[in-house]
N, C-alpha and C. Protein backbone atom coordinates (compact mmCIF):
# COMPACT_ATOMS: atom_id res chain seq x y z
N MET A 1 58.23 56.27 -49.09
CA MET A 1 59.18 55.51 -49.07
C MET A 1 60.29 55.89 -49.03
N SER A 2 61.08 54.62 -48.88
CA SER A 2 62.05 54.26 -48.30
C SER A 2 63.24 54.04 -48.97
N LYS A 3 64.54 54.40 -48.77
CA LYS A 3 65.58 54.20 -49.73
C LYS A 3 65.92 53.38 -48.95
N ILE A 4 66.49 52.07 -49.67
CA ILE A 4 66.53 50.62 -49.00
C ILE A 4 68.25 50.59 -49.94
N LEU A 5 69.29 50.03 -49.02
CA LEU A 5 70.34 49.82 -49.52
C LEU A 5 70.42 48.00 -49.14
N VAL A 6 70.89 47.11 -50.03
CA VAL A 6 70.83 46.18 -50.44
C VAL A 6 72.75 45.44 -50.73
N VAL A 7 72.75 45.32 -49.14
CA VAL A 7 74.14 44.49 -49.42
C VAL A 7 74.88 42.94 -49.60
N SER A 8 74.78 42.43 -50.57
CA SER A 8 74.94 41.08 -50.54
C SER A 8 76.01 40.10 -51.50
N TYR A 9 76.05 38.58 -50.92
CA TYR A 9 77.60 38.65 -51.28
C TYR A 9 77.01 37.39 -51.58
N THR A 10 76.58 36.55 -52.80
CA THR A 10 76.08 35.36 -52.86
C THR A 10 76.61 34.68 -53.68
N PRO A 11 77.78 34.51 -54.40
CA PRO A 11 78.82 34.05 -55.57
C PRO A 11 77.82 33.03 -56.04
N ARG A 12 76.98 32.17 -55.86
CA ARG A 12 76.36 31.26 -56.48
C ARG A 12 74.52 31.64 -57.18
N HIS A 13 74.87 32.60 -57.77
CA HIS A 13 73.47 33.14 -58.29
C HIS A 13 71.59 32.14 -58.19
N GLU A 14 72.02 30.94 -57.98
CA GLU A 14 71.33 30.54 -57.95
C GLU A 14 71.12 29.52 -56.41
N SER A 15 72.09 30.08 -55.41
CA SER A 15 71.84 29.58 -54.15
C SER A 15 70.57 30.28 -52.85
N ASN A 16 70.91 29.26 -51.75
CA ASN A 16 69.61 29.87 -50.82
C ASN A 16 69.37 31.31 -50.62
N SER A 17 70.84 31.95 -50.43
CA SER A 17 71.45 32.71 -49.97
C SER A 17 70.42 34.15 -50.87
N ALA A 18 70.78 33.73 -51.82
CA ALA A 18 70.32 34.43 -53.04
C ALA A 18 68.05 34.31 -53.40
N LYS A 19 68.24 33.55 -52.67
CA LYS A 19 66.69 33.12 -52.79
C LYS A 19 65.74 33.70 -51.71
N LEU A 20 66.69 34.20 -50.62
CA LEU A 20 65.78 34.48 -49.68
C LEU A 20 66.04 35.96 -49.56
N LEU A 21 67.03 36.31 -50.50
CA LEU A 21 67.12 37.69 -50.97
C LEU A 21 65.83 38.03 -51.54
N GLN A 22 66.04 37.40 -52.57
CA GLN A 22 64.79 37.62 -53.85
C GLN A 22 63.62 37.79 -52.82
N SER A 23 63.42 36.74 -52.26
CA SER A 23 62.06 37.22 -51.52
C SER A 23 61.77 38.70 -50.42
N PHE A 24 62.57 38.95 -50.24
CA PHE A 24 62.29 40.40 -50.12
C PHE A 24 62.40 41.26 -50.85
N ILE A 25 63.47 41.66 -51.96
CA ILE A 25 63.09 42.53 -53.08
C ILE A 25 61.64 42.62 -53.71
N GLU A 26 61.81 40.82 -54.08
CA GLU A 26 60.24 41.47 -55.03
C GLU A 26 59.02 42.16 -54.11
N ILE A 27 59.27 41.98 -52.59
CA ILE A 27 57.86 42.57 -52.24
C ILE A 27 58.92 43.80 -51.89
N ALA A 28 59.80 44.57 -51.60
CA ALA A 28 59.95 45.81 -51.34
C ALA A 28 60.38 46.70 -52.47
N GLU A 29 60.50 46.11 -53.78
CA GLU A 29 60.46 47.02 -54.95
C GLU A 29 59.20 48.01 -55.16
N ARG A 30 58.34 46.85 -55.21
CA ARG A 30 57.03 47.36 -55.00
C ARG A 30 56.47 48.86 -54.44
N LYS A 31 57.10 49.27 -53.49
CA LYS A 31 57.06 50.98 -52.85
C LYS A 31 58.29 51.55 -52.55
N HIS A 32 59.15 51.00 -53.03
CA HIS A 32 60.32 51.59 -52.24
C HIS A 32 61.94 51.81 -53.41
N HIS A 33 62.78 52.48 -52.85
CA HIS A 33 63.57 52.78 -54.10
C HIS A 33 64.68 51.89 -53.54
N ILE A 34 65.39 50.76 -54.23
CA ILE A 34 66.45 49.44 -54.09
C ILE A 34 68.12 50.08 -54.40
N THR A 35 68.72 50.09 -53.46
CA THR A 35 70.37 50.39 -54.62
C THR A 35 71.18 49.16 -53.87
N HIS A 36 71.30 48.50 -55.20
CA HIS A 36 71.70 46.75 -54.68
C HIS A 36 73.40 46.85 -54.96
N LEU A 37 73.85 46.98 -53.57
CA LEU A 37 75.40 46.35 -53.99
C LEU A 37 75.84 44.87 -53.61
N ASP A 38 76.68 44.90 -54.96
CA ASP A 38 76.61 42.86 -54.63
C ASP A 38 78.45 42.91 -54.91
N LEU A 39 78.74 42.67 -53.70
CA LEU A 39 80.09 42.23 -53.52
C LEU A 39 80.70 41.52 -53.48
N VAL A 40 79.90 40.35 -54.79
CA VAL A 40 80.90 39.83 -56.00
C VAL A 40 81.09 39.98 -56.81
N GLU A 41 80.77 41.39 -57.77
CA GLU A 41 80.91 42.39 -58.88
C GLU A 41 81.22 43.40 -58.14
N THR A 42 80.91 44.17 -57.35
CA THR A 42 81.85 45.22 -56.69
C THR A 42 81.91 44.94 -55.19
N PRO A 43 82.90 44.32 -54.37
CA PRO A 43 84.08 43.90 -53.88
C PRO A 43 83.89 45.61 -52.96
N ALA A 44 84.06 45.53 -51.96
CA ALA A 44 84.82 46.65 -50.84
C ALA A 44 86.28 46.59 -50.96
N PRO A 45 87.06 47.85 -50.92
CA PRO A 45 88.84 47.50 -51.24
C PRO A 45 88.96 46.65 -49.67
N LEU A 46 89.64 46.39 -50.00
CA LEU A 46 90.47 45.85 -48.44
C LEU A 46 90.94 46.92 -47.61
N LEU A 47 91.06 47.39 -46.52
CA LEU A 47 92.52 47.74 -46.04
C LEU A 47 93.74 47.62 -45.73
N LEU A 48 94.16 48.08 -46.25
CA LEU A 48 96.19 47.96 -47.21
C LEU A 48 96.84 49.00 -46.86
N THR A 49 98.00 49.30 -46.84
CA THR A 49 99.34 50.83 -46.97
C THR A 49 98.55 51.58 -46.96
N ALA A 50 98.13 51.97 -48.49
CA ALA A 50 97.59 53.65 -48.69
C ALA A 50 96.45 53.89 -47.70
N ASN A 51 95.34 52.98 -47.98
CA ASN A 51 93.88 53.70 -47.68
C ASN A 51 93.85 54.05 -46.54
N LEU A 52 94.00 52.75 -45.92
CA LEU A 52 94.13 52.58 -44.15
C LEU A 52 95.29 53.99 -43.32
N ASN A 53 96.34 54.16 -44.21
CA ASN A 53 97.12 55.16 -43.49
C ASN A 53 96.61 56.44 -43.73
N ALA A 54 95.96 56.61 -45.23
CA ALA A 54 94.99 58.26 -45.33
C ALA A 54 93.71 57.98 -43.78
N LEU A 55 92.86 57.41 -43.76
CA LEU A 55 91.80 56.95 -43.25
C LEU A 55 92.39 57.25 -41.83
N LEU A 56 93.15 57.16 -41.35
CA LEU A 56 94.13 57.08 -39.81
C LEU A 56 94.08 58.80 -39.25
N LYS A 57 94.52 58.99 -40.92
CA LYS A 57 95.42 60.69 -41.27
C LYS A 57 94.04 61.61 -40.89
N ARG A 58 93.13 61.47 -41.70
CA ARG A 58 91.95 62.12 -41.67
C ARG A 58 90.81 62.07 -40.64
N ASN A 59 90.84 60.43 -40.24
CA ASN A 59 89.67 60.05 -39.83
C ASN A 59 90.05 60.23 -38.22
N PHE A 60 91.21 60.33 -37.00
CA PHE A 60 91.44 60.10 -36.46
C PHE A 60 92.69 60.86 -35.43
N MET A 61 93.58 61.79 -36.70
CA MET A 61 94.41 62.44 -36.25
C MET A 61 93.38 64.01 -36.75
N GLY A 62 92.41 64.30 -37.64
CA GLY A 62 92.18 65.43 -37.86
C GLY A 62 92.91 66.68 -39.28
N MET A 63 93.73 65.51 -39.75
CA MET A 63 94.31 65.94 -41.02
C MET A 63 94.18 66.10 -42.02
N GLU A 64 93.90 67.30 -43.20
CA GLU A 64 93.68 66.99 -44.57
C GLU A 64 94.81 66.00 -44.89
N LEU A 65 94.02 65.54 -46.10
CA LEU A 65 94.61 64.61 -47.27
C LEU A 65 95.52 65.30 -48.06
N ALA A 66 96.87 64.50 -48.83
CA ALA A 66 97.12 65.19 -49.97
C ALA A 66 96.39 64.23 -51.15
N PRO A 67 95.97 65.00 -52.48
CA PRO A 67 95.43 64.26 -53.67
C PRO A 67 95.85 63.13 -53.32
N GLU A 68 96.63 62.33 -53.51
CA GLU A 68 96.60 60.78 -53.62
C GLU A 68 96.37 60.29 -52.24
N GLU A 69 96.46 61.26 -51.38
CA GLU A 69 95.65 60.18 -50.02
C GLU A 69 94.41 59.45 -50.46
N THR A 70 93.32 61.25 -51.14
CA THR A 70 91.65 61.60 -50.81
C THR A 70 91.77 60.05 -52.44
N LYS A 71 92.73 60.27 -52.90
CA LYS A 71 91.89 59.00 -54.21
C LYS A 71 92.26 57.66 -53.30
N ALA A 72 93.10 57.68 -52.19
CA ALA A 72 93.28 55.89 -52.12
C ALA A 72 92.10 55.74 -51.42
N VAL A 73 91.61 56.73 -50.39
CA VAL A 73 89.96 56.43 -49.88
C VAL A 73 88.18 56.30 -50.56
N GLN A 74 88.85 56.82 -51.38
CA GLN A 74 87.08 57.27 -52.73
C GLN A 74 86.35 56.26 -52.75
N GLY A 75 87.31 54.74 -52.91
CA GLY A 75 86.45 53.59 -52.15
C GLY A 75 85.48 53.74 -51.15
N ALA A 76 86.36 53.93 -50.08
CA ALA A 76 85.43 53.45 -48.47
C ALA A 76 84.86 54.84 -48.54
N ASP A 77 84.90 55.90 -49.02
CA ASP A 77 84.10 56.58 -48.90
C ASP A 77 82.96 56.81 -49.34
N HIS A 78 83.07 56.33 -50.77
CA HIS A 78 82.13 55.93 -51.92
C HIS A 78 80.53 55.21 -50.92
N LEU A 79 81.04 53.58 -50.43
CA LEU A 79 80.53 53.12 -49.72
C LEU A 79 79.68 53.40 -48.15
N THR A 80 80.70 54.38 -47.91
CA THR A 80 80.04 55.09 -46.48
C THR A 80 79.21 55.79 -46.53
N GLU A 81 79.26 56.06 -47.94
CA GLU A 81 77.96 57.95 -47.94
C GLU A 81 76.80 57.11 -48.52
N GLN A 82 77.27 55.74 -49.07
CA GLN A 82 75.77 55.15 -50.47
C GLN A 82 74.95 53.91 -48.62
N LEU A 83 75.52 54.00 -47.55
CA LEU A 83 75.27 53.61 -46.65
C LEU A 83 74.39 54.82 -46.10
N GLN A 84 75.39 56.23 -45.91
CA GLN A 84 74.81 57.27 -44.54
C GLN A 84 73.50 57.13 -45.51
N GLN A 85 73.84 57.63 -47.00
CA GLN A 85 72.41 58.19 -47.78
C GLN A 85 70.32 56.56 -47.42
N CYS A 86 71.57 56.04 -47.08
CA CYS A 86 69.49 54.65 -46.90
C CYS A 86 69.27 55.13 -45.90
N ASP A 87 67.73 54.46 -45.53
CA ASP A 87 66.95 54.46 -44.52
C ASP A 87 67.51 52.97 -44.08
N ARG A 88 67.07 52.02 -44.58
CA ARG A 88 67.19 50.64 -44.14
C ARG A 88 68.49 49.90 -45.30
N ILE A 89 68.91 48.93 -44.68
CA ILE A 89 69.57 48.39 -45.42
C ILE A 89 69.48 46.68 -44.66
N VAL A 90 69.77 46.47 -45.91
CA VAL A 90 69.50 44.22 -46.03
C VAL A 90 70.92 44.16 -46.00
N LEU A 91 71.40 42.86 -45.62
CA LEU A 91 72.37 42.29 -45.44
C LEU A 91 72.11 40.12 -45.50
N ALA A 92 73.19 39.94 -47.36
CA ALA A 92 72.75 38.74 -47.14
C ALA A 92 73.76 37.73 -47.38
N TYR A 93 73.72 36.88 -46.72
CA TYR A 93 75.33 36.17 -47.01
C TYR A 93 75.35 35.23 -46.49
N PRO A 94 75.77 34.09 -46.92
CA PRO A 94 76.10 32.15 -46.38
C PRO A 94 77.07 32.25 -44.87
N LEU A 95 76.95 31.39 -44.47
CA LEU A 95 77.94 31.82 -43.40
C LEU A 95 79.04 30.92 -44.29
N TYR A 96 80.08 31.46 -43.55
CA TYR A 96 81.47 30.58 -44.37
C TYR A 96 82.72 30.14 -42.53
N ASN A 97 82.76 28.73 -42.88
CA ASN A 97 83.59 28.72 -41.80
C ASN A 97 83.62 30.07 -40.17
N PHE A 98 81.88 29.99 -39.81
CA PHE A 98 81.64 30.42 -38.46
C PHE A 98 81.63 31.22 -38.42
N SER A 99 82.11 32.41 -39.68
CA SER A 99 81.56 33.94 -39.54
C SER A 99 81.66 34.58 -40.81
N LEU A 100 81.85 35.75 -40.89
CA LEU A 100 80.91 36.35 -42.00
C LEU A 100 81.89 35.82 -43.48
N PRO A 101 81.71 35.53 -44.74
CA PRO A 101 82.70 35.77 -45.45
C PRO A 101 83.19 37.24 -45.45
N ALA A 102 85.01 36.91 -46.13
CA ALA A 102 85.57 37.72 -46.05
C ALA A 102 85.01 39.20 -47.18
N ALA A 103 84.22 39.16 -47.44
CA ALA A 103 83.95 40.14 -48.86
C ALA A 103 82.58 41.00 -47.92
N VAL A 104 81.63 40.31 -46.69
CA VAL A 104 80.79 41.07 -45.89
C VAL A 104 81.75 41.64 -44.96
N LYS A 105 82.90 41.16 -44.36
CA LYS A 105 83.98 41.56 -43.24
C LYS A 105 84.91 43.09 -44.25
N ALA A 106 84.86 42.50 -45.04
CA ALA A 106 86.22 44.15 -45.44
C ALA A 106 84.50 45.12 -46.35
N TRP A 107 83.41 45.01 -46.45
CA TRP A 107 82.23 46.38 -46.33
C TRP A 107 82.57 46.92 -44.98
N PHE A 108 82.24 45.62 -43.79
CA PHE A 108 82.37 46.06 -42.61
C PHE A 108 83.44 47.19 -42.52
N ASP A 109 84.40 46.44 -42.68
CA ASP A 109 85.66 47.66 -41.92
C ASP A 109 86.07 48.63 -42.83
N VAL A 110 85.02 49.51 -43.99
CA VAL A 110 85.53 50.35 -44.83
C VAL A 110 84.58 51.64 -44.65
N VAL A 111 83.10 51.00 -43.96
CA VAL A 111 82.09 51.82 -43.94
C VAL A 111 81.98 52.13 -42.12
N ILE A 112 82.58 51.58 -41.15
CA ILE A 112 82.71 51.84 -40.11
C ILE A 112 84.24 53.01 -39.74
N GLN A 113 83.68 54.33 -40.37
CA GLN A 113 84.45 55.03 -40.03
C GLN A 113 84.46 56.58 -39.25
N ASN A 114 84.78 56.47 -38.12
CA ASN A 114 84.93 57.25 -37.22
C ASN A 114 84.50 58.88 -37.94
N GLY A 115 83.63 59.95 -37.10
CA GLY A 115 83.21 61.40 -37.63
C GLY A 115 82.36 60.91 -39.05
N LYS A 116 82.11 59.61 -39.47
CA LYS A 116 81.01 59.36 -40.58
C LYS A 116 80.08 58.75 -39.94
N THR A 117 80.17 57.50 -39.83
CA THR A 117 78.71 56.80 -38.86
C THR A 117 79.06 56.18 -37.48
N PHE A 118 79.95 56.75 -36.97
CA PHE A 118 80.07 56.35 -35.16
C PHE A 118 81.09 57.62 -34.96
N LYS A 119 81.34 57.94 -33.77
CA LYS A 119 82.10 59.01 -32.99
C LYS A 119 82.61 58.51 -31.73
N ILE A 120 83.95 59.85 -31.53
CA ILE A 120 84.13 58.98 -30.25
C ILE A 120 84.01 59.82 -29.60
N LYS A 121 83.46 59.73 -28.22
CA LYS A 121 83.29 60.75 -27.21
C LYS A 121 83.62 61.81 -26.53
N ASP A 122 83.33 63.16 -26.53
CA ASP A 122 84.03 63.70 -25.23
C ASP A 122 84.46 62.94 -23.99
N GLU A 123 83.91 62.49 -23.86
CA GLU A 123 84.11 61.91 -22.14
C GLU A 123 84.43 60.72 -22.27
N GLY A 124 84.10 59.44 -23.08
CA GLY A 124 84.98 58.33 -23.59
C GLY A 124 83.39 56.98 -24.43
N GLY A 125 84.12 56.57 -24.87
CA GLY A 125 83.28 55.59 -24.94
C GLY A 125 82.75 56.00 -26.65
N TYR A 126 81.71 55.31 -27.43
CA TYR A 126 81.65 55.37 -28.52
C TYR A 126 79.94 55.63 -28.78
N GLU A 127 79.36 56.41 -30.09
CA GLU A 127 78.56 56.73 -30.70
C GLU A 127 77.80 56.33 -31.94
N GLY A 128 77.32 55.34 -32.07
CA GLY A 128 76.73 55.46 -33.62
C GLY A 128 76.43 56.93 -33.95
N LEU A 129 76.36 57.11 -35.60
CA LEU A 129 75.84 58.27 -35.84
C LEU A 129 74.65 58.05 -37.15
N CYS A 130 73.61 56.38 -36.91
CA CYS A 130 73.18 56.32 -38.14
C CYS A 130 72.19 56.22 -37.18
N HIS A 131 71.44 57.37 -36.92
CA HIS A 131 70.44 57.24 -36.04
C HIS A 131 69.35 57.30 -37.03
N GLY A 132 68.39 56.17 -36.35
CA GLY A 132 66.90 55.70 -37.07
C GLY A 132 67.27 54.94 -38.27
N LYS A 133 68.08 54.26 -38.70
CA LYS A 133 68.44 53.28 -39.37
C LYS A 133 67.63 51.83 -39.04
N LYS A 134 67.35 50.93 -40.59
CA LYS A 134 67.57 49.73 -40.07
C LYS A 134 68.02 48.85 -40.27
N ALA A 135 68.34 47.63 -40.16
CA ALA A 135 68.79 46.94 -41.00
C ALA A 135 67.99 45.14 -40.49
N LEU A 136 68.08 44.76 -41.80
CA LEU A 136 67.78 43.36 -41.77
C LEU A 136 68.95 42.42 -42.46
N ILE A 137 69.04 41.01 -41.78
CA ILE A 137 70.40 40.46 -41.67
C ILE A 137 69.73 39.00 -42.01
N LEU A 138 70.23 38.58 -43.49
CA LEU A 138 69.65 36.99 -43.84
C LEU A 138 71.33 36.40 -44.27
N MET A 139 70.51 34.97 -43.23
CA MET A 139 71.52 34.36 -43.59
C MET A 139 71.13 32.76 -44.14
N THR A 140 72.36 31.82 -44.60
CA THR A 140 71.81 30.96 -44.53
C THR A 140 73.09 29.99 -43.97
N THR A 141 72.88 28.28 -43.64
CA THR A 141 74.07 27.87 -43.39
C THR A 141 73.79 26.50 -44.16
N GLY A 142 75.48 25.88 -43.98
CA GLY A 142 74.77 24.33 -44.61
C GLY A 142 74.67 23.16 -43.20
N GLY A 143 75.40 24.00 -42.61
CA GLY A 143 75.22 23.09 -40.58
C GLY A 143 73.71 23.84 -40.28
N ASP A 144 73.46 22.72 -39.35
CA ASP A 144 71.89 23.22 -38.77
C ASP A 144 72.81 24.24 -37.35
N PHE A 145 72.86 25.55 -37.20
CA PHE A 145 73.40 26.44 -36.10
C PHE A 145 72.60 26.68 -35.14
N SER A 146 71.25 26.20 -35.55
CA SER A 146 69.90 27.12 -34.48
C SER A 146 70.13 26.17 -32.80
N GLN A 147 71.20 25.27 -32.71
CA GLN A 147 70.48 24.12 -31.23
C GLN A 147 72.32 24.71 -31.31
N GLU A 148 72.44 24.68 -29.78
CA GLU A 148 73.82 23.96 -29.45
C GLU A 148 74.25 22.52 -29.35
N PRO A 149 75.55 22.29 -29.89
CA PRO A 149 76.48 22.80 -29.11
C PRO A 149 76.66 23.75 -30.42
N ALA A 150 76.58 23.85 -31.61
CA ALA A 150 76.69 24.72 -33.00
C ALA A 150 76.61 25.86 -32.95
N LYS A 151 75.54 26.58 -31.76
CA LYS A 151 74.57 27.58 -32.03
C LYS A 151 75.42 28.66 -32.06
N SER A 152 76.71 28.22 -30.46
CA SER A 152 78.21 28.79 -29.80
C SER A 152 78.92 29.46 -31.13
N MET A 153 79.08 28.32 -32.42
CA MET A 153 80.09 28.22 -33.27
C MET A 153 79.90 29.14 -34.41
N ASN A 154 78.28 29.54 -34.66
CA ASN A 154 78.13 31.13 -34.92
C ASN A 154 77.89 32.11 -34.27
N PHE A 155 79.50 33.15 -35.49
CA PHE A 155 80.20 34.18 -35.11
C PHE A 155 79.34 35.44 -35.85
N ALA A 156 78.61 34.90 -36.66
CA ALA A 156 78.93 35.35 -38.30
C ALA A 156 77.62 36.73 -37.72
N THR A 157 76.31 35.88 -36.99
CA THR A 157 75.16 36.95 -36.45
C THR A 157 75.65 37.83 -35.82
N PRO A 158 76.04 37.36 -34.65
CA PRO A 158 76.41 38.50 -33.31
C PRO A 158 77.20 39.04 -34.27
N LEU A 159 78.36 38.82 -34.74
CA LEU A 159 79.15 40.20 -35.52
C LEU A 159 79.04 41.50 -36.49
N ALA A 160 77.66 40.46 -37.24
CA ALA A 160 76.62 41.48 -37.49
C ALA A 160 76.10 42.53 -36.99
N GLN A 161 76.00 41.90 -36.22
CA GLN A 161 74.71 42.95 -35.17
C GLN A 161 75.40 43.34 -34.30
N THR A 162 76.48 43.13 -33.78
CA THR A 162 77.69 44.47 -33.28
C THR A 162 77.94 45.39 -33.97
N CYS A 163 78.80 45.08 -35.38
CA CYS A 163 78.83 46.31 -36.26
C CYS A 163 77.44 46.78 -36.97
N MET A 164 76.29 45.98 -36.74
CA MET A 164 75.42 47.80 -37.16
C MET A 164 74.98 48.05 -36.26
N GLY A 165 75.62 47.89 -35.10
CA GLY A 165 75.13 48.72 -33.91
C GLY A 165 75.87 49.04 -33.28
N PHE A 166 76.83 49.41 -33.85
CA PHE A 166 78.40 49.79 -33.21
C PHE A 166 77.98 51.96 -33.80
N MET A 167 77.54 51.64 -35.59
CA MET A 167 77.30 52.70 -36.18
C MET A 167 75.42 52.93 -35.79
N GLY A 168 74.95 52.87 -34.40
CA GLY A 168 73.28 52.71 -34.47
C GLY A 168 72.39 52.77 -34.59
N ILE A 169 73.10 51.21 -35.56
CA ILE A 169 71.79 50.14 -36.61
C ILE A 169 71.02 49.21 -35.72
N GLU A 170 69.97 49.89 -35.39
CA GLU A 170 69.02 48.43 -34.99
C GLU A 170 69.02 47.52 -35.88
N SER A 171 68.98 46.69 -35.21
CA SER A 171 69.41 45.04 -36.57
C SER A 171 67.95 43.65 -35.65
N HIS A 172 68.08 43.24 -37.08
CA HIS A 172 67.01 41.72 -37.01
C HIS A 172 67.72 40.61 -37.49
N SER A 173 67.69 39.91 -37.47
CA SER A 173 68.20 38.66 -38.38
C SER A 173 67.55 36.86 -38.29
N ILE A 174 67.35 36.65 -39.44
CA ILE A 174 66.46 35.55 -40.10
C ILE A 174 67.30 34.95 -41.11
N SER A 175 67.51 33.27 -40.52
CA SER A 175 68.60 32.42 -41.10
C SER A 175 67.89 31.44 -41.49
N ALA A 176 68.36 31.29 -42.38
CA ALA A 176 67.53 29.76 -43.20
C ALA A 176 69.05 28.52 -42.97
N TYR A 177 68.66 27.73 -41.29
CA TYR A 177 69.63 26.87 -41.20
C TYR A 177 69.65 25.16 -41.51
N GLY A 178 70.91 24.86 -41.90
CA GLY A 178 71.00 23.62 -42.41
C GLY A 178 70.63 22.81 -43.78
N LEU A 179 70.39 23.41 -44.42
CA LEU A 179 70.41 23.41 -45.89
C LEU A 179 71.12 22.25 -46.79
N ASN A 180 72.15 22.27 -45.82
CA ASN A 180 72.79 20.91 -46.46
C ASN A 180 72.85 19.70 -45.55
N GLN A 181 72.96 19.88 -44.45
CA GLN A 181 72.99 18.86 -42.91
C GLN A 181 71.57 17.98 -43.71
N TYR A 182 70.33 19.10 -43.87
CA TYR A 182 69.09 17.96 -44.30
C TYR A 182 68.96 18.81 -45.00
N ALA A 183 69.46 17.66 -46.46
CA ALA A 183 69.24 18.20 -48.02
C ALA A 183 68.39 17.80 -48.27
N ASP A 184 67.83 16.67 -48.28
CA ASP A 184 65.81 16.50 -48.31
C ASP A 184 65.02 17.55 -47.55
N LYS A 185 64.87 18.56 -46.82
CA LYS A 185 64.47 18.98 -46.50
C LYS A 185 64.67 20.46 -46.99
N ALA A 186 65.66 20.65 -47.63
CA ALA A 186 65.97 22.15 -47.73
C ALA A 186 64.70 22.71 -48.83
N ASP A 187 64.30 22.70 -49.58
CA ASP A 187 62.89 23.77 -50.13
C ASP A 187 62.50 23.77 -49.09
N GLU A 188 61.61 22.89 -47.71
CA GLU A 188 60.50 23.65 -46.96
C GLU A 188 62.04 24.73 -45.27
N ILE A 189 62.40 24.61 -45.62
CA ILE A 189 63.39 24.99 -44.79
C ILE A 189 63.71 26.32 -45.45
N THR A 190 63.85 26.83 -46.93
CA THR A 190 64.02 27.56 -47.73
C THR A 190 62.49 28.20 -47.96
N THR A 191 61.92 27.78 -47.43
CA THR A 191 60.17 28.33 -47.57
C THR A 191 59.63 29.05 -46.77
N ALA A 192 59.85 28.28 -45.75
CA ALA A 192 59.59 28.75 -44.18
C ALA A 192 60.67 29.55 -44.09
N THR A 193 61.34 29.77 -44.29
CA THR A 193 62.35 30.92 -44.38
C THR A 193 62.04 32.60 -45.26
N GLN A 194 61.53 31.98 -46.05
CA GLN A 194 61.17 33.04 -46.57
C GLN A 194 59.70 33.52 -46.26
N GLN A 195 58.67 32.49 -45.36
CA GLN A 195 57.14 33.45 -44.95
C GLN A 195 57.95 33.52 -43.78
N GLN A 196 59.41 33.44 -42.57
CA GLN A 196 59.24 34.63 -42.12
C GLN A 196 59.75 36.15 -42.28
N ILE A 197 60.17 35.93 -43.26
CA ILE A 197 61.04 37.45 -44.12
C ILE A 197 59.30 38.54 -44.78
N VAL A 198 58.76 37.41 -44.81
CA VAL A 198 57.07 38.13 -45.65
C VAL A 198 56.43 38.64 -44.09
N ALA A 199 56.73 37.08 -43.59
CA ALA A 199 55.38 37.96 -42.03
C ALA A 199 56.08 39.36 -41.55
N TYR A 200 57.77 39.50 -41.12
CA TYR A 200 58.39 40.23 -40.80
C TYR A 200 57.88 41.88 -41.29
N LEU A 201 57.94 41.45 -42.45
CA LEU A 201 57.57 42.60 -43.48
C LEU A 201 56.45 43.27 -43.24
N SER A 202 56.02 42.72 -43.13
CA SER A 202 54.16 42.83 -43.01
C SER A 202 53.55 43.23 -41.17
N SER A 203 54.63 43.13 -40.58
CA SER A 203 54.42 43.94 -39.52
C SER A 203 55.02 45.02 -39.50
N GLY A 204 55.02 45.47 -39.81
CA GLY A 204 55.42 47.08 -40.31
C GLY A 204 56.51 47.20 -39.64
N ASP A 205 57.69 47.12 -38.83
CA ASP A 205 58.72 47.02 -37.63
C ASP A 205 59.43 47.29 -39.09
N PHE A 206 60.09 47.21 -40.32
CA PHE A 206 61.26 47.51 -40.97
C PHE A 206 60.84 48.12 -42.17
N ILE A 207 60.14 48.19 -42.92
CA ILE A 207 59.27 49.05 -44.16
C ILE A 207 57.72 49.02 -44.08
């Protein structure tokens, strides 16, 4: 049994992103333990003055934190520990203005922590510390970003995969493109993408 962390940003609960995620959950929950972090209901803390300074002080300067500083980073540390304790991650979101929704980027900002999910090597460079973990990235788009020139304007998928890879997490992405652009075929596109998810899970590469 794998421990799966589902991180979702699907503010419209009947959205296509939610449908794709549900396709995964219906299969995975039969044999695996799922923890669901809903970034709509429980948003990741933004890096602001108090928590950012405390994280820099502890993670990069090696200094102990005062009680108020420890309190300031509790939210970030909780989400980081959640990530550290899972075996697999599923990230689900819609494409917003060519990139990740702010809520998803905020989550990455607090879980990418020096000494916890990556480290700076003595000889220079970086090493991800989340060895053995895998991520499945599920994305939906209103426009068709599957072909050029729009394909090059999808910064969300490469950013999400870069962030995962930086932490040492191998990732695979599945996307449903053009759900608004081809509104008359939205159900067909969603069904085809759900079938991709089922096929990927059946391959045994993820769970």
